Protein backbone atom coordinates (compact mmCIF):
# COMPACT_ATOMS: atom_id res chain seq x y z
CA MET A 1 0.00 0.00 0.00
CA ASP A 2 1.33 3.41 -0.81
CA LYS A 3 1.64 6.02 1.90
CA GLN A 4 -0.98 8.38 0.44
CA LYS A 5 -3.65 5.64 0.28
CA LEU A 6 -2.92 4.76 3.90
CA TYR A 7 -3.27 8.40 4.94
CA ASN A 8 -6.53 8.64 2.96
CA ASP A 9 -7.87 5.60 4.84
CA ILE A 10 -6.74 7.08 8.18
CA ASN A 11 -8.44 10.38 7.37
CA LYS A 12 -11.64 8.53 6.48
CA VAL A 13 -11.61 6.83 9.89
CA LYS A 14 -11.03 10.19 11.60
CA LYS A 15 -13.82 11.80 9.58
CA ASP A 16 -16.21 8.98 10.52
CA ILE A 17 -15.27 9.39 14.18
CA PHE A 18 -15.98 13.12 13.96
CA THR A 19 -19.24 12.63 12.09
CA HIS A 20 -20.57 10.07 14.60
CA ARG A 21 -18.96 11.45 17.78
CA ASN A 22 -22.34 12.14 19.38
CA ASP A 23 -23.81 8.72 18.60
CA SER A 24 -23.92 6.36 21.57
CA ASN A 25 -22.55 3.57 19.38
CA CYS A 26 -19.91 5.67 17.59
CA ASN A 27 -17.17 3.03 17.80
CA LYS A 28 -19.43 0.35 16.34
CA ILE A 29 -20.48 2.60 13.46
CA VAL A 30 -16.90 3.57 12.68
CA PHE A 31 -15.81 -0.07 12.91
CA ASN A 32 -18.53 -1.18 10.47
CA LYS A 33 -17.74 1.62 8.02
CA ASN A 34 -14.00 0.84 8.09
CA LYS A 35 -13.97 -2.92 8.58
CA GLU A 36 -11.34 -3.63 5.91
CA PHE A 37 -8.96 -1.04 7.38
CA GLN A 38 -9.56 -2.37 10.90
CA GLU A 39 -8.84 -5.94 9.82
CA LYS A 40 -5.67 -4.98 7.96
CA TYR A 41 -4.31 -2.56 10.60
CA PRO A 42 -6.00 -3.46 13.91
CA THR A 43 -3.47 -1.74 16.18
CA LEU A 44 -3.43 1.44 14.15
CA PHE A 45 -7.24 1.44 13.97
CA ASP A 46 -7.55 0.99 17.75
CA LYS A 47 -5.08 3.79 18.44
CA ILE A 48 -6.94 6.14 16.09
CA ILE A 49 -10.40 5.32 17.41
CA ASN A 50 -9.19 5.69 21.02
CA ASN A 51 -7.34 8.93 20.20
CA GLU A 52 -4.03 7.51 21.42
CA LEU A 53 -1.77 8.90 18.68
CA ASP A 54 -0.43 12.37 18.14
CA GLU A 55 0.43 13.29 14.56
CA ASP A 56 4.17 12.57 14.96
CA ARG A 57 3.54 9.08 16.33
CA LEU A 58 0.95 8.44 13.61
CA LYS A 59 3.46 9.46 10.93
CA TYR A 60 6.06 7.18 12.53
CA MET A 61 3.66 4.21 12.50
CA VAL A 62 2.68 4.86 8.87
CA ASP A 63 6.35 5.06 7.87
CA MET A 64 6.99 1.70 9.59
CA ILE A 65 4.01 0.07 7.85
CA VAL A 66 5.14 1.36 4.46
CA SER A 67 8.73 0.22 5.15
CA ILE A 68 7.56 -3.29 6.04
CA GLN A 69 5.19 -3.57 3.09
CA GLY A 70 7.84 -2.19 0.75
CA GLY A 71 10.37 -4.76 1.90
CA ILE A 72 12.69 -2.11 3.30
CA LYS A 73 12.40 -3.50 6.85
CA LYS A 74 11.53 -6.86 8.25
CA GLU A 75 8.52 -6.86 10.54
CA GLU A 76 10.62 -8.16 13.43
CA ASP A 77 13.18 -5.34 13.03
CA ALA A 78 10.44 -2.72 12.82
CA THR A 79 8.77 -4.14 15.95
CA ILE A 80 12.04 -3.89 17.87
CA GLU A 81 12.63 -0.35 16.62
CA VAL A 82 9.11 0.75 17.59
CA GLY A 83 9.46 -0.88 21.02
CA GLN A 84 12.77 0.88 21.62
CA LYS A 85 11.31 4.23 20.55
CA LEU A 86 8.33 3.81 22.87
CA PHE A 87 10.67 2.86 25.72
CA ASP A 88 12.86 5.89 25.03
CA ASP A 89 9.86 8.22 24.83
CA PHE A 90 7.79 6.96 27.77
CA VAL A 91 9.72 4.70 30.13
CA ALA A 92 13.29 5.98 30.19
CA PRO A 93 12.36 9.55 31.18
CA ASN A 94 10.52 8.18 34.22
CA ILE A 95 13.34 6.04 35.56
CA ASP A 96 14.92 7.63 38.60
CA LEU A 97 18.57 6.71 38.28
CA SER A 98 19.38 8.43 41.57
CA LYS A 99 17.72 5.50 43.37
CA GLU A 100 19.88 2.97 41.52
CA LYS A 101 21.70 0.70 43.95
CA LYS A 102 25.39 1.52 44.13
CA CYS A 103 28.22 -0.88 45.06
């Protein structure tokens, strides 16, 4: 899949969320309208529908998907890279090294 098509699909999901935001069953409606996207990219879909991605992280995920699908990266390598980035962004800044046990 090319990057622009993926962004078009993402924007459709976001538009559907916005359109149905006041419906009590918004998630179900959006899921049904974007079933193919949800099945192909379940993690990305969940993060979008739960508003868990800022634009930089979304771009990063799209770049990884395109790299994997284009054969530039192996899925395993991309998974490790994403995990390391998430660790660096969220876990490492919260580790208090001053409490580290010293010899």
